[in-house]
Amino acid sequence: MAGNSILLTALSVLSACQQSYFALQVGKARSKYKVTPPAVSGSPEFERIFRAQQNCVEFYPIFMITLWMAGWYFNQVFDT
């Protein structure tokens, strides 16, 4: 099974990189709009960026579970 999960692993790594990129964008927005942690409210532009990243974080576990379950039980080429 380990040899058959290369595409799933690659997509998992790419999605983790995407999550890191979104977190970096929130960090840049914090300094740009002068919002210090742990505050999550400030200018409307910052709140939009923060909410977009937070929505991705909230649904990331669901995405990963669905990706791997579909890849294990169905064809991983169609899954990815």
N, C-alpha and C. Protein backbone atom coordinates (compact mmCIF):
# COMPACT_ATOMS: atom_id res chain seq x y z
N MET A 1 0.82 -1.20 0.00
CA MET A 1 0.00 0.00 0.00
C MET A 1 0.86 1.26 0.00
N ALA A 2 2.04 1.20 0.61
CA ALA A 2 2.88 2.39 0.69
C ALA A 2 3.33 2.86 -0.68
N GLY A 3 3.62 1.94 -1.57
CA GLY A 3 4.05 2.33 -2.91
C GLY A 3 2.94 2.89 -3.75
N ASN A 4 1.71 2.60 -3.38
CA ASN A 4 0.56 3.06 -4.15
C ASN A 4 0.05 4.43 -3.71
N SER A 5 0.66 5.02 -2.72
CA SER A 5 0.13 6.28 -2.19
C SER A 5 1.01 7.48 -2.53
N ILE A 6 1.79 7.39 -3.58
CA ILE A 6 2.70 8.48 -3.93
C ILE A 6 1.93 9.74 -4.31
N LEU A 7 0.89 9.61 -5.11
CA LEU A 7 0.11 10.78 -5.51
C LEU A 7 -0.60 11.42 -4.33
N LEU A 8 -1.12 10.58 -3.44
CA LEU A 8 -1.79 11.12 -2.26
C LEU A 8 -0.81 11.86 -1.36
N THR A 9 0.38 11.31 -1.22
CA THR A 9 1.40 11.96 -0.41
C THR A 9 1.83 13.28 -1.03
N ALA A 10 2.01 13.29 -2.34
CA ALA A 10 2.41 14.53 -3.02
C ALA A 10 1.35 15.61 -2.86
N LEU A 11 0.10 15.24 -3.01
CA LEU A 11 -0.96 16.23 -2.84
C LEU A 11 -1.07 16.69 -1.40
N SER A 12 -0.82 15.81 -0.45
CA SER A 12 -0.83 16.20 0.96
C SER A 12 0.27 17.21 1.26
N VAL A 13 1.45 16.99 0.71
CA VAL A 13 2.56 17.93 0.91
C VAL A 13 2.24 19.27 0.27
N LEU A 14 1.69 19.25 -0.94
CA LEU A 14 1.33 20.51 -1.60
C LEU A 14 0.26 21.27 -0.82
N SER A 15 -0.70 20.56 -0.27
CA SER A 15 -1.74 21.24 0.51
C SER A 15 -1.18 21.79 1.81
N ALA A 16 -0.20 21.12 2.41
CA ALA A 16 0.46 21.66 3.61
C ALA A 16 1.24 22.93 3.26
N CYS A 17 1.87 22.94 2.10
CA CYS A 17 2.56 24.15 1.64
C CYS A 17 1.58 25.30 1.43
N GLN A 18 0.41 24.98 0.91
CA GLN A 18 -0.62 26.00 0.72
C GLN A 18 -1.07 26.57 2.07
N GLN A 19 -1.25 25.71 3.05
CA GLN A 19 -1.63 26.17 4.38
C GLN A 19 -0.56 27.09 4.97
N SER A 20 0.70 26.74 4.77
CA SER A 20 1.80 27.58 5.25
C SER A 20 1.80 28.93 4.56
N TYR A 21 1.55 28.93 3.26
CA TYR A 21 1.49 30.18 2.51
C TYR A 21 0.37 31.08 3.04
N PHE A 22 -0.80 30.50 3.31
CA PHE A 22 -1.90 31.29 3.84
C PHE A 22 -1.55 31.87 5.21
N ALA A 23 -0.88 31.09 6.05
CA ALA A 23 -0.47 31.58 7.37
C ALA A 23 0.53 32.73 7.24
N LEU A 24 1.44 32.62 6.29
CA LEU A 24 2.39 33.72 6.06
C LEU A 24 1.67 34.98 5.59
N GLN A 25 0.64 34.82 4.77
CA GLN A 25 -0.12 35.98 4.32
C GLN A 25 -0.82 36.67 5.47
N VAL A 26 -1.30 35.90 6.43
CA VAL A 26 -1.93 36.50 7.61
C VAL A 26 -0.87 37.25 8.42
N GLY A 27 0.32 36.68 8.54
CA GLY A 27 1.40 37.37 9.25
C GLY A 27 1.77 38.69 8.60
N LYS A 28 1.84 38.69 7.28
CA LYS A 28 2.13 39.94 6.56
C LYS A 28 1.00 40.95 6.74
N ALA A 29 -0.23 40.47 6.72
CA ALA A 29 -1.37 41.37 6.91
C ALA A 29 -1.39 41.94 8.32
N ARG A 30 -0.97 41.15 9.30
CA ARG A 30 -0.90 41.66 10.68
C ARG A 30 0.05 42.85 10.77
N SER A 31 1.21 42.73 10.14
CA SER A 31 2.15 43.85 10.21
C SER A 31 1.69 45.02 9.35
N LYS A 32 1.07 44.74 8.23
CA LYS A 32 0.60 45.81 7.34
C LYS A 32 -0.51 46.63 7.98
N TYR A 33 -1.47 45.95 8.63
CA TYR A 33 -2.62 46.63 9.22
C TYR A 33 -2.46 46.85 10.72
N LYS A 34 -1.27 46.53 11.26
CA LYS A 34 -0.93 46.78 12.66
C LYS A 34 -1.92 46.12 13.63
N VAL A 35 -2.10 44.82 13.44
CA VAL A 35 -2.95 44.02 14.32
C VAL A 35 -2.03 43.04 15.04
N THR A 36 -1.87 43.23 16.35
CA THR A 36 -0.95 42.37 17.10
C THR A 36 -1.68 41.13 17.60
N PRO A 37 -1.00 39.97 17.60
CA PRO A 37 -1.62 38.75 18.12
C PRO A 37 -1.90 38.91 19.61
N PRO A 38 -2.89 38.35 20.17
CA PRO A 38 -3.87 37.42 19.62
C PRO A 38 -5.11 38.09 19.03
N ALA A 39 -5.09 39.41 18.86
CA ALA A 39 -6.26 40.09 18.31
C ALA A 39 -6.56 39.58 16.90
N VAL A 40 -7.83 39.45 16.61
CA VAL A 40 -8.25 38.99 15.28
C VAL A 40 -9.18 39.99 14.62
N SER A 41 -9.32 41.15 15.22
CA SER A 41 -10.15 42.18 14.61
C SER A 41 -9.31 43.42 14.37
N GLY A 42 -9.66 44.12 13.35
CA GLY A 42 -8.93 45.32 12.96
C GLY A 42 -9.59 45.90 11.74
N SER A 43 -8.80 46.21 10.75
CA SER A 43 -9.37 46.75 9.52
C SER A 43 -10.14 45.65 8.78
N PRO A 44 -11.14 46.04 8.00
CA PRO A 44 -11.91 45.03 7.26
C PRO A 44 -11.05 44.20 6.30
N GLU A 45 -10.01 44.79 5.74
CA GLU A 45 -9.13 44.04 4.84
C GLU A 45 -8.41 42.93 5.59
N PHE A 46 -7.91 43.24 6.79
CA PHE A 46 -7.24 42.21 7.58
C PHE A 46 -8.22 41.11 7.97
N GLU A 47 -9.40 41.49 8.38
CA GLU A 47 -10.38 40.48 8.81
C GLU A 47 -10.75 39.55 7.67
N ARG A 48 -10.80 40.06 6.44
CA ARG A 48 -11.08 39.19 5.29
C ARG A 48 -9.95 38.19 5.08
N ILE A 49 -8.72 38.66 5.16
CA ILE A 49 -7.57 37.77 4.98
C ILE A 49 -7.53 36.73 6.09
N PHE A 50 -7.74 37.16 7.32
CA PHE A 50 -7.72 36.24 8.45
C PHE A 50 -8.83 35.20 8.35
N ARG A 51 -10.04 35.64 7.99
CA ARG A 51 -11.16 34.70 7.90
C ARG A 51 -10.94 33.69 6.79
N ALA A 52 -10.38 34.12 5.67
CA ALA A 52 -10.11 33.18 4.57
C ALA A 52 -9.14 32.10 5.03
N GLN A 53 -8.09 32.50 5.74
CA GLN A 53 -7.12 31.52 6.24
C GLN A 53 -7.76 30.63 7.29
N GLN A 54 -8.57 31.21 8.15
CA GLN A 54 -9.21 30.43 9.21
C GLN A 54 -10.19 29.42 8.63
N ASN A 55 -10.92 29.81 7.60
CA ASN A 55 -11.83 28.85 6.95
C ASN A 55 -11.06 27.68 6.37
N CYS A 56 -9.91 27.95 5.77
CA CYS A 56 -9.09 26.87 5.22
C CYS A 56 -8.58 25.95 6.33
N VAL A 57 -8.17 26.52 7.45
CA VAL A 57 -7.69 25.71 8.57
C VAL A 57 -8.81 24.84 9.13
N GLU A 58 -10.01 25.38 9.21
CA GLU A 58 -11.12 24.63 9.78
C GLU A 58 -11.51 23.43 8.91
N PHE A 59 -11.41 23.57 7.60
CA PHE A 59 -11.83 22.49 6.71
C PHE A 59 -10.69 21.60 6.25
N TYR A 60 -9.46 21.92 6.64
CA TYR A 60 -8.31 21.12 6.22
C TYR A 60 -8.37 19.67 6.70
N PRO A 61 -8.72 19.40 7.96
CA PRO A 61 -8.81 17.99 8.38
C PRO A 61 -9.86 17.20 7.60
N ILE A 62 -10.98 17.83 7.29
CA ILE A 62 -12.01 17.15 6.50
C ILE A 62 -11.48 16.84 5.11
N PHE A 63 -10.76 17.79 4.52
CA PHE A 63 -10.17 17.58 3.20
C PHE A 63 -9.18 16.42 3.22
N MET A 64 -8.31 16.40 4.23
CA MET A 64 -7.28 15.36 4.28
C MET A 64 -7.90 13.97 4.49
N ILE A 65 -8.86 13.87 5.38
CA ILE A 65 -9.51 12.57 5.62
C ILE A 65 -10.22 12.10 4.36
N THR A 66 -10.95 12.99 3.71
CA THR A 66 -11.66 12.62 2.49
C THR A 66 -10.70 12.23 1.39
N LEU A 67 -9.61 12.97 1.25
CA LEU A 67 -8.61 12.66 0.22
C LEU A 67 -8.04 11.26 0.42
N TRP A 68 -7.60 10.97 1.64
CA TRP A 68 -6.95 9.69 1.88
C TRP A 68 -7.94 8.52 1.85
N MET A 69 -9.13 8.73 2.37
CA MET A 69 -10.12 7.64 2.32
C MET A 69 -10.51 7.33 0.88
N ALA A 70 -10.72 8.36 0.09
CA ALA A 70 -11.07 8.14 -1.32
C ALA A 70 -9.90 7.51 -2.07
N GLY A 71 -8.68 7.91 -1.73
CA GLY A 71 -7.51 7.33 -2.39
C GLY A 71 -7.28 5.88 -2.03
N TRP A 72 -7.61 5.51 -0.80
CA TRP A 72 -7.43 4.12 -0.38
C TRP A 72 -8.50 3.20 -0.98
N TYR A 73 -9.73 3.69 -1.03
CA TYR A 73 -10.83 2.83 -1.43
C TYR A 73 -11.20 2.94 -2.91
N PHE A 74 -10.72 3.99 -3.58
CA PHE A 74 -11.00 4.17 -4.99
C PHE A 74 -9.68 4.38 -5.71
N ASN A 75 -9.72 4.75 -6.94
CA ASN A 75 -8.51 4.97 -7.72
C ASN A 75 -7.88 6.30 -7.31
N GLN A 76 -6.62 6.28 -6.88
CA GLN A 76 -5.99 7.50 -6.40
C GLN A 76 -5.73 8.51 -7.51
N VAL A 77 -5.63 8.07 -8.76
CA VAL A 77 -5.44 9.00 -9.87
C VAL A 77 -6.67 9.89 -10.01
N PHE A 78 -7.84 9.31 -9.92
CA PHE A 78 -9.07 10.10 -10.01
C PHE A 78 -9.28 10.94 -8.75
N ASP A 79 -8.81 10.44 -7.65
CA ASP A 79 -8.95 11.15 -6.38
C ASP A 79 -8.11 12.42 -6.37
N THR A 80 -6.88 12.33 -6.84
CA THR A 80 -6.00 13.49 -6.83
C THR A 80 -6.29 14.38 -8.00
